[in-house]
Amino acid sequence: MRAAPSPSQRRGVPTGLVLLAGAVLGFIVLAGWLGDLLPGLGNPFSEKTVDRSGPALLNSIRTLSDFRAATGHFEVIVDVEKDTRFVPDQLKGERILFVAVGEVDAGVDFSELKGDAVVVSEDRRSVTLELPPPRYHEPELDLDRSRVYDRDRGVINRLQSLFGDDTGTDPEVYRLAEDKLAAAARGRSGLLVRARRNTRLMLTGLLRALGFTEIEIRFAAV
C-alpha cells in the first residue's frame, strides 16, 4: 500500500523559490520607492530610450565615401606648335594634332558630411540631408584610344628622329589634353546637374528602403 504524500510533496512550488521571488520583488519595490524619494539617486530599474538613428544613419552614408554620380565622355583636339626663334619652321619646328579621348567624373564626397547634416524626425518617417556640392574629378585620358592625327616636322627634327632622338609624344601634349578634357566637362556638358540628380535618386531609394516616407535632400552652395 503506497504511503500518502507529505505536505511538502503536495506543494507545487518549493518554499525556497517562493521566498527568493518575494525578496527580489521587495528589492525592486524598495529601489523604486527610494528613486521617488531621492530623485538624484534614480531608479536602477527604470527604462531609458536613446535615439541613435541620426548618428547611425550618418555613419552609413559616410561609408559610401566618394560617390561617382556621373561620367562624361569627351573627345577633343589638341593643336600644339613648337617654333624656334630666328629659324624657319621648314628647318626646325613641329606641329602636332592630337586627338584626346577620355572621361571626367563628377561626384559627391560623403566623407565630408558634418554631424548636423542628417536630421531625422522622432517618428523616423522624415529625414533631411544637407550634402556638399558635387565636384569634378581629375580627367582620365584614354591612351589606348587617343592618337596623333597629324604631325608636321622640320628637316632638323626629322633627322633627329632618324638617329633615335624621337621620344614619341611629348608629355606636354598629354597635360594639354587633360586640361582640355577638364574644360570640356566644365563647359555646357551638364555633368554637375546629372551628378545632383543621380545622387538624389540613389539616396532616395536607400532611405525609402529604410522606412522613410518624407525625404528632403539639399546641396550646399559652392
N, C-alpha and C. Protein backbone atom coordinates (compact mmCIF):
# COMPACT_ATOMS: atom_id res chain seq x y z
N MET A 1 0.86 -1.18 0.00
CA MET A 1 0.00 0.00 0.00
C MET A 1 0.89 1.23 0.00
N ARG A 2 0.66 2.23 -0.98
CA ARG A 2 1.51 3.41 -1.13
C ARG A 2 1.18 4.41 -0.04
N ALA A 3 2.27 4.97 0.52
CA ALA A 3 2.09 5.95 1.60
C ALA A 3 1.55 7.25 1.05
N ALA A 4 0.76 7.96 1.88
CA ALA A 4 0.18 9.25 1.46
C ALA A 4 1.27 10.28 1.33
N PRO A 5 1.22 11.19 0.31
CA PRO A 5 2.27 12.20 0.11
C PRO A 5 2.29 13.18 1.25
N SER A 6 3.49 13.59 1.60
CA SER A 6 3.68 14.54 2.69
C SER A 6 3.25 15.93 2.24
N PRO A 7 3.01 16.88 3.17
CA PRO A 7 2.61 18.25 2.78
C PRO A 7 3.61 18.92 1.88
N SER A 8 4.93 18.66 2.10
CA SER A 8 5.94 19.31 1.25
C SER A 8 5.89 18.79 -0.17
N GLN A 9 5.48 17.50 -0.30
CA GLN A 9 5.39 16.92 -1.64
C GLN A 9 4.16 17.41 -2.40
N ARG A 10 3.09 17.77 -1.63
CA ARG A 10 1.87 18.21 -2.29
C ARG A 10 1.99 19.63 -2.84
N ARG A 11 2.90 20.42 -2.31
CA ARG A 11 3.07 21.78 -2.80
C ARG A 11 3.80 21.75 -4.15
N GLY A 12 3.28 22.51 -5.09
CA GLY A 12 3.87 22.53 -6.42
C GLY A 12 5.14 23.36 -6.49
N VAL A 13 5.28 24.44 -5.71
CA VAL A 13 6.43 25.34 -5.77
C VAL A 13 7.21 25.22 -4.47
N PRO A 14 8.52 24.99 -4.52
CA PRO A 14 9.32 24.87 -3.29
C PRO A 14 9.27 26.17 -2.51
N THR A 15 9.33 26.01 -1.20
CA THR A 15 9.26 27.17 -0.30
C THR A 15 10.42 28.13 -0.53
N GLY A 16 11.62 27.58 -0.80
CA GLY A 16 12.79 28.43 -1.01
C GLY A 16 12.64 29.33 -2.22
N LEU A 17 12.06 28.82 -3.29
CA LEU A 17 11.87 29.60 -4.50
C LEU A 17 10.89 30.73 -4.27
N VAL A 18 9.84 30.44 -3.48
CA VAL A 18 8.85 31.48 -3.16
C VAL A 18 9.48 32.60 -2.36
N LEU A 19 10.32 32.23 -1.40
CA LEU A 19 10.99 33.25 -0.58
C LEU A 19 11.94 34.09 -1.42
N LEU A 20 12.65 33.46 -2.38
CA LEU A 20 13.59 34.19 -3.24
C LEU A 20 12.85 35.18 -4.13
N ALA A 21 11.72 34.75 -4.70
CA ALA A 21 10.94 35.64 -5.56
C ALA A 21 10.40 36.82 -4.76
N GLY A 22 9.97 36.53 -3.53
CA GLY A 22 9.48 37.62 -2.68
C GLY A 22 10.57 38.61 -2.35
N ALA A 23 11.78 38.13 -2.11
CA ALA A 23 12.89 39.04 -1.80
C ALA A 23 13.24 39.92 -2.99
N VAL A 24 13.26 39.34 -4.20
CA VAL A 24 13.56 40.13 -5.40
C VAL A 24 12.50 41.18 -5.64
N LEU A 25 11.22 40.81 -5.46
CA LEU A 25 10.12 41.76 -5.65
C LEU A 25 10.21 42.89 -4.63
N GLY A 26 10.52 42.52 -3.39
CA GLY A 26 10.65 43.55 -2.37
C GLY A 26 11.80 44.51 -2.66
N PHE A 27 12.90 43.99 -3.23
CA PHE A 27 14.04 44.84 -3.57
C PHE A 27 13.69 45.82 -4.69
N ILE A 28 12.92 45.33 -5.68
CA ILE A 28 12.51 46.21 -6.78
C ILE A 28 11.60 47.33 -6.27
N VAL A 29 10.64 46.96 -5.42
CA VAL A 29 9.73 47.98 -4.87
C VAL A 29 10.50 48.98 -4.03
N LEU A 30 11.46 48.49 -3.24
CA LEU A 30 12.26 49.38 -2.40
C LEU A 30 13.10 50.33 -3.26
N ALA A 31 13.69 49.82 -4.34
CA ALA A 31 14.51 50.65 -5.22
C ALA A 31 13.67 51.73 -5.88
N GLY A 32 12.45 51.38 -6.31
CA GLY A 32 11.57 52.38 -6.92
C GLY A 32 11.14 53.43 -5.91
N TRP A 33 10.89 53.00 -4.66
CA TRP A 33 10.48 53.95 -3.62
C TRP A 33 11.62 54.91 -3.29
N LEU A 34 12.84 54.39 -3.24
CA LEU A 34 13.99 55.26 -2.97
C LEU A 34 14.24 56.22 -4.13
N GLY A 35 13.98 55.75 -5.38
CA GLY A 35 14.18 56.62 -6.53
C GLY A 35 13.20 57.79 -6.52
N ASP A 36 11.95 57.52 -6.06
CA ASP A 36 10.97 58.61 -5.97
C ASP A 36 11.28 59.54 -4.81
N LEU A 37 11.79 58.96 -3.72
CA LEU A 37 12.10 59.77 -2.55
C LEU A 37 13.34 60.62 -2.76
N LEU A 38 14.33 60.07 -3.44
CA LEU A 38 15.58 60.79 -3.72
C LEU A 38 15.77 60.83 -5.23
N PRO A 39 15.28 61.87 -5.91
CA PRO A 39 15.37 61.92 -7.38
C PRO A 39 16.79 61.84 -7.89
N GLY A 40 17.74 62.37 -7.12
CA GLY A 40 19.13 62.33 -7.57
C GLY A 40 19.68 60.92 -7.62
N LEU A 41 19.10 60.03 -6.83
CA LEU A 41 19.59 58.65 -6.81
C LEU A 41 19.20 57.89 -8.07
N GLY A 42 17.95 58.13 -8.53
CA GLY A 42 17.49 57.45 -9.73
C GLY A 42 17.05 56.03 -9.46
N ASN A 43 16.28 55.52 -10.34
CA ASN A 43 15.79 54.15 -10.22
C ASN A 43 16.64 53.24 -11.10
N PRO A 44 17.37 52.29 -10.50
CA PRO A 44 18.23 51.44 -11.32
C PRO A 44 17.47 50.54 -12.27
N PHE A 45 16.16 50.39 -12.09
CA PHE A 45 15.37 49.51 -12.94
C PHE A 45 14.50 50.29 -13.93
N SER A 46 14.66 51.62 -13.93
CA SER A 46 13.87 52.42 -14.87
C SER A 46 14.42 52.26 -16.28
N GLU A 47 13.56 52.38 -17.31
CA GLU A 47 13.94 52.24 -18.70
C GLU A 47 14.28 53.60 -19.29
N LYS A 48 15.24 53.62 -20.18
CA LYS A 48 15.65 54.85 -20.84
C LYS A 48 15.73 54.59 -22.34
N THR A 49 15.08 55.45 -23.11
CA THR A 49 15.07 55.32 -24.56
C THR A 49 16.10 56.27 -25.15
N VAL A 50 17.01 55.73 -25.93
CA VAL A 50 18.05 56.52 -26.58
C VAL A 50 17.87 56.42 -28.08
N ASP A 51 17.70 57.57 -28.74
CA ASP A 51 17.52 57.60 -30.19
C ASP A 51 18.89 57.69 -30.85
N ARG A 52 19.30 56.63 -31.48
CA ARG A 52 20.59 56.60 -32.16
C ARG A 52 20.43 56.60 -33.68
N SER A 53 19.26 56.94 -34.17
CA SER A 53 19.02 56.86 -35.61
C SER A 53 19.85 57.87 -36.38
N GLY A 54 20.02 59.08 -35.84
CA GLY A 54 20.78 60.11 -36.55
C GLY A 54 22.22 59.72 -36.81
N PRO A 55 23.02 59.51 -35.77
CA PRO A 55 24.42 59.14 -35.99
C PRO A 55 24.58 57.85 -36.79
N ALA A 56 23.72 56.87 -36.53
CA ALA A 56 23.84 55.61 -37.26
C ALA A 56 23.61 55.82 -38.75
N LEU A 57 22.60 56.61 -39.09
CA LEU A 57 22.32 56.88 -40.49
C LEU A 57 23.43 57.71 -41.11
N LEU A 58 23.95 58.67 -40.35
CA LEU A 58 25.04 59.50 -40.84
C LEU A 58 26.26 58.65 -41.16
N ASN A 59 26.60 57.74 -40.26
CA ASN A 59 27.76 56.88 -40.48
C ASN A 59 27.54 55.95 -41.67
N SER A 60 26.31 55.51 -41.87
CA SER A 60 26.02 54.64 -43.01
C SER A 60 26.22 55.37 -44.32
N ILE A 61 25.83 56.64 -44.37
CA ILE A 61 26.02 57.41 -45.60
C ILE A 61 27.48 57.73 -45.81
N ARG A 62 28.20 57.97 -44.72
CA ARG A 62 29.62 58.28 -44.84
C ARG A 62 30.41 57.12 -45.44
N THR A 63 29.94 55.89 -45.16
CA THR A 63 30.66 54.73 -45.68
C THR A 63 30.61 54.66 -47.21
N LEU A 64 29.66 55.39 -47.82
CA LEU A 64 29.62 55.43 -49.28
C LEU A 64 30.81 56.18 -49.87
N SER A 65 31.47 56.98 -49.01
CA SER A 65 32.69 57.69 -49.37
C SER A 65 32.45 58.61 -50.56
N ASP A 66 33.34 58.56 -51.53
CA ASP A 66 33.27 59.46 -52.67
C ASP A 66 32.41 58.82 -53.75
N PHE A 67 31.19 59.28 -53.88
CA PHE A 67 30.23 58.68 -54.80
C PHE A 67 30.38 59.30 -56.18
N ARG A 68 30.77 58.49 -57.16
CA ARG A 68 30.88 58.95 -58.55
C ARG A 68 29.48 58.90 -59.16
N ALA A 69 28.85 60.07 -59.26
CA ALA A 69 27.45 60.12 -59.63
C ALA A 69 27.21 60.24 -61.13
N ALA A 70 28.19 60.75 -61.88
CA ALA A 70 28.00 60.93 -63.32
C ALA A 70 29.36 60.90 -64.00
N THR A 71 29.37 60.42 -65.23
CA THR A 71 30.60 60.32 -66.02
C THR A 71 30.36 60.92 -67.40
N GLY A 72 31.26 61.78 -67.82
CA GLY A 72 31.17 62.37 -69.15
C GLY A 72 32.30 61.86 -70.04
N HIS A 73 31.94 61.50 -71.27
CA HIS A 73 32.92 61.00 -72.24
C HIS A 73 33.18 62.13 -73.24
N PHE A 74 34.46 62.46 -73.46
CA PHE A 74 34.80 63.61 -74.29
C PHE A 74 35.91 63.25 -75.27
N GLU A 75 35.88 63.93 -76.42
CA GLU A 75 36.94 63.85 -77.42
C GLU A 75 37.29 65.28 -77.82
N VAL A 76 38.55 65.64 -77.69
CA VAL A 76 38.99 67.00 -78.00
C VAL A 76 40.24 66.93 -78.88
N ILE A 77 40.47 68.01 -79.62
CA ILE A 77 41.64 68.12 -80.48
C ILE A 77 42.65 69.05 -79.82
N VAL A 78 43.87 68.57 -79.70
CA VAL A 78 44.96 69.36 -79.15
C VAL A 78 45.88 69.74 -80.30
N ASP A 79 46.05 71.03 -80.49
CA ASP A 79 46.89 71.55 -81.58
C ASP A 79 48.09 72.25 -80.95
N VAL A 80 49.25 71.61 -81.03
CA VAL A 80 50.46 72.13 -80.40
C VAL A 80 51.49 72.41 -81.49
N GLU A 81 52.02 73.62 -81.44
CA GLU A 81 53.05 74.01 -82.40
C GLU A 81 54.27 74.54 -81.66
N LYS A 82 55.44 74.02 -82.02
CA LYS A 82 56.70 74.45 -81.42
C LYS A 82 57.58 75.08 -82.49
N ASP A 83 57.90 76.33 -82.26
CA ASP A 83 58.74 77.06 -83.22
C ASP A 83 60.06 77.44 -82.57
N THR A 84 61.08 77.57 -83.39
CA THR A 84 62.39 78.03 -82.93
C THR A 84 62.61 79.44 -83.45
N ARG A 85 62.97 80.31 -82.55
CA ARG A 85 63.14 81.71 -82.91
C ARG A 85 64.29 81.87 -83.92
N PHE A 86 64.08 82.69 -84.90
CA PHE A 86 65.05 83.02 -85.95
C PHE A 86 65.34 81.84 -86.88
N VAL A 87 64.65 80.72 -86.73
CA VAL A 87 64.85 79.57 -87.62
C VAL A 87 63.51 79.25 -88.28
N PRO A 88 63.47 79.16 -89.60
CA PRO A 88 62.20 78.86 -90.29
C PRO A 88 61.62 77.52 -89.83
N ASP A 89 60.29 77.45 -89.88
CA ASP A 89 59.61 76.23 -89.47
C ASP A 89 59.99 75.04 -90.35
N GLN A 90 60.34 75.33 -91.62
CA GLN A 90 60.70 74.24 -92.52
C GLN A 90 61.99 73.55 -92.09
N LEU A 91 62.86 74.28 -91.36
CA LEU A 91 64.12 73.69 -90.90
C LEU A 91 63.97 73.06 -89.52
N LYS A 92 63.43 73.82 -88.59
CA LYS A 92 63.29 73.29 -87.23
C LYS A 92 61.98 73.79 -86.64
N GLY A 93 61.13 72.86 -86.34
CA GLY A 93 59.82 73.17 -85.77
C GLY A 93 58.94 71.93 -85.81
N GLU A 94 57.87 72.00 -85.11
CA GLU A 94 56.98 70.83 -85.05
C GLU A 94 55.57 71.28 -84.73
N ARG A 95 54.61 70.64 -85.38
CA ARG A 95 53.20 70.88 -85.09
C ARG A 95 52.50 69.53 -84.99
N ILE A 96 51.77 69.35 -83.89
CA ILE A 96 51.11 68.07 -83.61
C ILE A 96 49.62 68.31 -83.45
N LEU A 97 48.84 67.53 -84.15
CA LEU A 97 47.40 67.47 -83.94
C LEU A 97 47.09 66.16 -83.22
N PHE A 98 46.65 66.28 -82.00
CA PHE A 98 46.45 65.11 -81.14
C PHE A 98 44.97 64.98 -80.80
N VAL A 99 44.40 63.81 -81.07
CA VAL A 99 43.00 63.53 -80.73
C VAL A 99 42.98 62.90 -79.33
N ALA A 100 42.48 63.65 -78.37
CA ALA A 100 42.45 63.19 -76.98
C ALA A 100 41.06 62.63 -76.66
N VAL A 101 41.03 61.41 -76.15
CA VAL A 101 39.80 60.74 -75.75
C VAL A 101 39.90 60.41 -74.27
N GLY A 102 38.88 60.77 -73.52
CA GLY A 102 38.94 60.49 -72.09
C GLY A 102 37.61 60.73 -71.40
N GLU A 103 37.62 60.57 -70.08
CA GLU A 103 36.41 60.71 -69.27
C GLU A 103 36.68 61.62 -68.09
N VAL A 104 35.61 62.28 -67.66
CA VAL A 104 35.64 63.12 -66.47
C VAL A 104 34.45 62.73 -65.60
N ASP A 105 34.70 62.43 -64.34
CA ASP A 105 33.65 62.06 -63.40
C ASP A 105 33.26 63.26 -62.55
N ALA A 106 32.02 63.23 -62.08
CA ALA A 106 31.54 64.20 -61.11
C ALA A 106 30.86 63.43 -59.99
N GLY A 107 31.11 63.83 -58.76
CA GLY A 107 30.55 63.08 -57.65
C GLY A 107 30.46 63.91 -56.39
N VAL A 108 29.98 63.25 -55.32
CA VAL A 108 29.78 63.88 -54.03
C VAL A 108 30.62 63.13 -53.00
N ASP A 109 31.36 63.87 -52.21
CA ASP A 109 32.21 63.27 -51.18
C ASP A 109 31.42 63.21 -49.87
N PHE A 110 30.86 62.03 -49.56
CA PHE A 110 30.07 61.88 -48.35
C PHE A 110 30.93 61.89 -47.08
N SER A 111 32.22 61.67 -47.21
CA SER A 111 33.06 61.68 -46.02
C SER A 111 33.16 63.07 -45.40
N GLU A 112 32.75 64.11 -46.14
CA GLU A 112 32.80 65.47 -45.63
C GLU A 112 31.53 65.86 -44.87
N LEU A 113 30.58 64.95 -44.73
CA LEU A 113 29.33 65.27 -44.05
C LEU A 113 29.58 65.63 -42.59
N LYS A 114 28.94 66.69 -42.14
CA LYS A 114 29.07 67.14 -40.76
C LYS A 114 28.03 66.43 -39.88
N GLY A 115 28.17 66.63 -38.57
CA GLY A 115 27.29 65.94 -37.63
C GLY A 115 25.83 66.34 -37.76
N ASP A 116 25.56 67.58 -38.19
CA ASP A 116 24.18 68.04 -38.33
C ASP A 116 23.68 67.92 -39.76
N ALA A 117 24.36 67.15 -40.57
CA ALA A 117 23.96 67.03 -41.98
C ALA A 117 22.72 66.16 -42.14
N VAL A 118 22.44 65.29 -41.17
CA VAL A 118 21.29 64.40 -41.24
C VAL A 118 20.37 64.71 -40.07
N VAL A 119 19.12 65.05 -40.36
CA VAL A 119 18.12 65.34 -39.34
C VAL A 119 16.96 64.36 -39.52
N VAL A 120 16.70 63.56 -38.47
CA VAL A 120 15.66 62.54 -38.52
C VAL A 120 14.55 62.92 -37.56
N SER A 121 13.30 62.79 -38.01
CA SER A 121 12.16 63.09 -37.14
C SER A 121 12.04 62.04 -36.05
N GLU A 122 11.26 62.39 -35.00
CA GLU A 122 11.11 61.47 -33.86
C GLU A 122 10.43 60.17 -34.26
N ASP A 123 9.51 60.23 -35.21
CA ASP A 123 8.82 59.01 -35.64
C ASP A 123 9.57 58.25 -36.74
N ARG A 124 10.77 58.74 -37.08
CA ARG A 124 11.60 58.09 -38.10
C ARG A 124 10.85 57.92 -39.43
N ARG A 125 10.07 58.92 -39.77
CA ARG A 125 9.38 58.92 -41.05
C ARG A 125 9.93 59.99 -41.99
N SER A 126 10.49 61.04 -41.42
CA SER A 126 11.01 62.14 -42.21
C SER A 126 12.50 62.28 -41.98
N VAL A 127 13.22 62.66 -43.03
CA VAL A 127 14.67 62.85 -42.92
C VAL A 127 15.08 63.97 -43.87
N THR A 128 16.01 64.78 -43.42
CA THR A 128 16.56 65.86 -44.22
C THR A 128 18.07 65.71 -44.28
N LEU A 129 18.62 65.80 -45.49
CA LEU A 129 20.06 65.66 -45.70
C LEU A 129 20.62 66.95 -46.30
N GLU A 130 21.72 67.41 -45.76
CA GLU A 130 22.45 68.55 -46.29
C GLU A 130 23.77 68.02 -46.83
N LEU A 131 23.92 68.00 -48.15
CA LEU A 131 25.09 67.38 -48.78
C LEU A 131 26.04 68.44 -49.32
N PRO A 132 27.31 68.11 -49.40
CA PRO A 132 28.25 69.02 -50.07
C PRO A 132 27.96 69.05 -51.56
N PRO A 133 28.33 70.11 -52.24
CA PRO A 133 28.04 70.19 -53.68
C PRO A 133 28.85 69.17 -54.46
N PRO A 134 28.33 68.67 -55.56
CA PRO A 134 29.12 67.77 -56.41
C PRO A 134 30.29 68.51 -57.02
N ARG A 135 31.34 67.77 -57.29
CA ARG A 135 32.55 68.39 -57.84
C ARG A 135 33.12 67.49 -58.94
N TYR A 136 33.97 68.09 -59.75
CA TYR A 136 34.62 67.36 -60.83
C TYR A 136 35.83 66.60 -60.30
N HIS A 137 36.07 65.45 -60.88
CA HIS A 137 37.28 64.70 -60.59
C HIS A 137 38.31 64.97 -61.69
N GLU A 138 39.51 64.54 -61.43
CA GLU A 138 40.56 64.73 -62.42
C GLU A 138 40.24 63.93 -63.69
N PRO A 139 40.46 64.51 -64.86
CA PRO A 139 40.18 63.78 -66.11
C PRO A 139 41.10 62.57 -66.26
N GLU A 140 40.56 61.56 -66.89
CA GLU A 140 41.31 60.34 -67.16
C GLU A 140 41.47 60.17 -68.67
N LEU A 141 42.69 60.34 -69.14
CA LEU A 141 42.98 60.24 -70.57
C LEU A 141 43.12 58.78 -70.97
N ASP A 142 42.38 58.39 -71.98
CA ASP A 142 42.44 57.01 -72.50
C ASP A 142 43.54 56.95 -73.55
N LEU A 143 44.71 56.46 -73.14
CA LEU A 143 45.86 56.43 -74.04
C LEU A 143 45.69 55.41 -75.16
N ASP A 144 44.86 54.39 -74.93
CA ASP A 144 44.64 53.38 -75.97
C ASP A 144 43.81 53.93 -77.13
N ARG A 145 42.95 54.88 -76.86
CA ARG A 145 42.08 55.42 -77.89
C ARG A 145 42.53 56.79 -78.38
N SER A 146 43.36 57.46 -77.61
CA SER A 146 43.91 58.74 -78.06
C SER A 146 45.02 58.49 -79.07
N ARG A 147 45.21 59.44 -79.96
CA ARG A 147 46.19 59.20 -81.03
C ARG A 147 46.66 60.52 -81.62
N VAL A 148 47.81 60.45 -82.28
CA VAL A 148 48.33 61.58 -83.03
C VAL A 148 47.69 61.55 -84.41
N TYR A 149 46.92 62.59 -84.72
CA TYR A 149 46.22 62.64 -86.01
C TYR A 149 47.15 63.13 -87.11
N ASP A 150 47.96 64.12 -86.81
CA ASP A 150 48.87 64.66 -87.83
C ASP A 150 50.09 65.21 -87.11
N ARG A 151 51.24 65.08 -87.78
CA ARG A 151 52.50 65.56 -87.20
C ARG A 151 53.37 66.12 -88.31
N ASP A 152 53.66 67.39 -88.21
CA ASP A 152 54.45 68.08 -89.23
C ASP A 152 55.73 68.57 -88.58
N ARG A 153 56.88 68.12 -89.10
CA ARG A 153 58.16 68.46 -88.50
C ARG A 153 59.10 69.05 -89.54
N GLY A 154 60.01 69.88 -89.05
CA GLY A 154 61.03 70.45 -89.93
C GLY A 154 62.10 69.44 -90.27
N VAL A 155 63.02 69.85 -91.15
CA VAL A 155 64.07 68.93 -91.62
C VAL A 155 64.94 68.48 -90.46
N ILE A 156 65.35 69.38 -89.59
CA ILE A 156 66.23 69.02 -88.47
C ILE A 156 65.52 68.04 -87.54
N ASN A 157 64.25 68.27 -87.28
CA ASN A 157 63.51 67.36 -86.41
C ASN A 157 63.42 65.96 -87.02
N ARG A 158 63.27 65.89 -88.33
CA ARG A 158 63.19 64.59 -88.98
C ARG A 158 64.54 63.86 -88.92
N LEU A 159 65.62 64.62 -89.08
CA LEU A 159 66.94 64.00 -88.97
C LEU A 159 67.20 63.49 -87.56
N GLN A 160 66.75 64.23 -86.56
CA GLN A 160 66.92 63.78 -85.18
C GLN A 160 66.17 62.48 -84.92
N SER A 161 65.01 62.34 -85.53
CA SER A 161 64.24 61.11 -85.33
C SER A 161 64.94 59.91 -85.96
N LEU A 162 65.71 60.16 -87.05
CA LEU A 162 66.43 59.07 -87.69
C LEU A 162 67.55 58.53 -86.80
N PHE A 163 68.09 59.39 -85.95
CA PHE A 163 69.18 58.98 -85.07
C PHE A 163 68.70 58.60 -83.67
N GLY A 164 67.42 58.36 -83.55
CA GLY A 164 66.91 57.85 -82.28
C GLY A 164 66.58 58.91 -81.27
N ASP A 165 66.50 60.18 -81.65
CA ASP A 165 66.18 61.24 -80.71
C ASP A 165 64.68 61.49 -80.61
N ASP A 166 63.89 60.71 -81.34
CA ASP A 166 62.45 60.88 -81.29
C ASP A 166 61.91 60.15 -80.06
N THR A 167 61.43 60.89 -79.10
CA THR A 167 60.95 60.28 -77.84
C THR A 167 59.46 60.04 -77.84
N GLY A 168 58.82 60.14 -79.00
CA GLY A 168 57.38 59.92 -79.05
C GLY A 168 56.61 61.18 -78.72
N THR A 169 55.40 61.00 -78.26
CA THR A 169 54.54 62.14 -77.94
C THR A 169 55.06 62.87 -76.71
N ASP A 170 55.16 64.15 -76.84
CA ASP A 170 55.67 64.99 -75.75
C ASP A 170 54.70 64.92 -74.57
N PRO A 171 55.21 64.74 -73.34
CA PRO A 171 54.32 64.73 -72.16
C PRO A 171 53.48 66.00 -72.05
N GLU A 172 53.99 67.11 -72.60
CA GLU A 172 53.23 68.35 -72.55
C GLU A 172 51.92 68.22 -73.32
N VAL A 173 51.93 67.41 -74.37
CA VAL A 173 50.71 67.19 -75.14
C VAL A 173 49.66 66.50 -74.27
N TYR A 174 50.09 65.53 -73.46
CA TYR A 174 49.17 64.85 -72.56
C TYR A 174 48.60 65.81 -71.52
N ARG A 175 49.45 66.68 -70.99
CA ARG A 175 48.97 67.64 -69.99
C ARG A 175 47.94 68.60 -70.61
N LEU A 176 48.22 69.06 -71.82
CA LEU A 176 47.27 69.93 -72.50
C LEU A 176 45.96 69.19 -72.80
N ALA A 177 46.07 67.90 -73.14
CA ALA A 177 44.88 67.11 -73.43
C ALA A 177 44.01 66.98 -72.18
N GLU A 178 44.62 66.74 -71.04
CA GLU A 178 43.85 66.64 -69.80
C GLU A 178 43.19 67.97 -69.44
N ASP A 179 43.90 69.06 -69.69
CA ASP A 179 43.32 70.38 -69.43
C ASP A 179 42.10 70.63 -70.32
N LYS A 180 42.20 70.22 -71.57
CA LYS A 180 41.08 70.42 -72.49
C LYS A 180 39.90 69.52 -72.13
N LEU A 181 40.17 68.31 -71.66
CA LEU A 181 39.09 67.44 -71.22
C LEU A 181 38.37 68.05 -70.02
N ALA A 182 39.14 68.60 -69.07
CA ALA A 182 38.54 69.24 -67.90
C ALA A 182 37.71 70.46 -68.32
N ALA A 183 38.23 71.23 -69.27
CA ALA A 183 37.50 72.41 -69.74
C ALA A 183 36.20 72.01 -70.44
N ALA A 184 36.23 70.91 -71.19
CA ALA A 184 35.02 70.44 -71.86
C ALA A 184 33.96 70.02 -70.85
N ALA A 185 34.40 69.39 -69.77
CA ALA A 185 33.44 68.96 -68.73
C ALA A 185 32.83 70.16 -68.03
N ARG A 186 33.63 71.20 -67.81
CA ARG A 186 33.14 72.38 -67.12
C ARG A 186 32.36 73.32 -68.04
N GLY A 187 32.29 72.98 -69.30
CA GLY A 187 31.55 73.79 -70.24
C GLY A 187 30.06 73.57 -70.11
N ARG A 188 29.44 73.22 -71.21
CA ARG A 188 27.99 73.00 -71.22
C ARG A 188 27.63 71.52 -71.22
N SER A 189 28.41 70.74 -70.54
CA SER A 189 28.16 69.30 -70.51
C SER A 189 27.00 68.93 -69.59
N GLY A 190 26.69 69.78 -68.62
CA GLY A 190 25.62 69.45 -67.66
C GLY A 190 25.99 68.32 -66.72
N LEU A 191 27.29 68.09 -66.55
CA LEU A 191 27.73 66.95 -65.74
C LEU A 191 27.34 67.11 -64.27
N LEU A 192 27.46 68.31 -63.73
CA LEU A 192 27.11 68.52 -62.33
C LEU A 192 25.60 68.38 -62.10
N VAL A 193 24.81 68.78 -63.08
CA VAL A 193 23.36 68.62 -62.97
C VAL A 193 22.99 67.14 -62.90
N ARG A 194 23.62 66.35 -63.74
CA ARG A 194 23.37 64.90 -63.70
C ARG A 194 23.87 64.29 -62.40
N ALA A 195 24.98 64.79 -61.89
CA ALA A 195 25.51 64.26 -60.63
C ALA A 195 24.55 64.53 -59.48
N ARG A 196 23.95 65.72 -59.44
CA ARG A 196 22.97 66.01 -58.39
C ARG A 196 21.75 65.10 -58.52
N ARG A 197 21.26 64.95 -59.74
CA ARG A 197 20.07 64.13 -59.95
C ARG A 197 20.33 62.67 -59.57
N ASN A 198 21.45 62.12 -60.01
CA ASN A 198 21.74 60.72 -59.73
C ASN A 198 22.00 60.49 -58.24
N THR A 199 22.64 61.45 -57.58
CA THR A 199 22.87 61.32 -56.14
C THR A 199 21.55 61.35 -55.38
N ARG A 200 20.66 62.25 -55.78
CA ARG A 200 19.35 62.34 -55.12
C ARG A 200 18.55 61.05 -55.33
N LEU A 201 18.59 60.50 -56.53
CA LEU A 201 17.86 59.26 -56.79
C LEU A 201 18.42 58.10 -55.98
N MET A 202 19.74 58.01 -55.89
CA MET A 202 20.36 56.92 -55.14
C MET A 202 20.01 56.99 -53.66
N LEU A 203 20.14 58.17 -53.07
CA LEU A 203 19.86 58.31 -51.64
C LEU A 203 18.37 58.16 -51.34
N THR A 204 17.52 58.64 -52.24
CA THR A 204 16.08 58.49 -52.01
C THR A 204 15.69 57.02 -51.98
N GLY A 205 16.23 56.23 -52.90
CA GLY A 205 15.94 54.80 -52.89
C GLY A 205 16.46 54.12 -51.63
N LEU A 206 17.65 54.53 -51.18
CA LEU A 206 18.23 53.94 -49.97
C LEU A 206 17.39 54.29 -48.75
N LEU A 207 16.98 55.54 -48.63
CA LEU A 207 16.23 55.98 -47.44
C LEU A 207 14.81 55.41 -47.43
N ARG A 208 14.21 55.26 -48.59
CA ARG A 208 12.87 54.64 -48.63
C ARG A 208 12.95 53.18 -48.21
N ALA A 209 14.03 52.52 -48.57
CA ALA A 209 14.20 51.12 -48.13
C ALA A 209 14.36 51.03 -46.62
N LEU A 210 14.82 52.10 -46.00
CA LEU A 210 14.97 52.13 -44.54
C LEU A 210 13.69 52.56 -43.83
N GLY A 211 12.63 52.86 -44.58
CA GLY A 211 11.35 53.17 -43.98
C GLY A 211 10.96 54.64 -43.97
N PHE A 212 11.78 55.51 -44.52
CA PHE A 212 11.45 56.93 -44.54
C PHE A 212 10.48 57.22 -45.69
N THR A 213 9.46 58.03 -45.40
CA THR A 213 8.46 58.37 -46.41
C THR A 213 8.59 59.81 -46.89
N GLU A 214 9.11 60.70 -46.06
CA GLU A 214 9.33 62.09 -46.44
C GLU A 214 10.83 62.37 -46.44
N ILE A 215 11.38 62.64 -47.62
CA ILE A 215 12.82 62.78 -47.79
C ILE A 215 13.12 64.11 -48.46
N GLU A 216 13.99 64.87 -47.85
CA GLU A 216 14.43 66.14 -48.43
C GLU A 216 15.95 66.13 -48.51
N ILE A 217 16.46 66.34 -49.71
CA ILE A 217 17.91 66.32 -49.95
C ILE A 217 18.30 67.67 -50.52
N ARG A 218 19.22 68.34 -49.83
CA ARG A 218 19.70 69.65 -50.27
C ARG A 218 21.19 69.60 -50.48
N PHE A 219 21.66 70.40 -51.43
CA PHE A 219 23.09 70.52 -51.70
C PHE A 219 23.56 71.91 -51.28
N ALA A 220 24.68 71.93 -50.59
CA ALA A 220 25.24 73.21 -50.16
C ALA A 220 25.70 74.02 -51.36
N ALA A 221 25.69 75.32 -51.19
CA ALA A 221 26.13 76.20 -52.27
C ALA A 221 27.63 76.09 -52.44
N VAL A 222 28.08 76.30 -53.66
CA VAL A 222 29.51 76.22 -53.96
C VAL A 222 30.21 77.42 -53.37
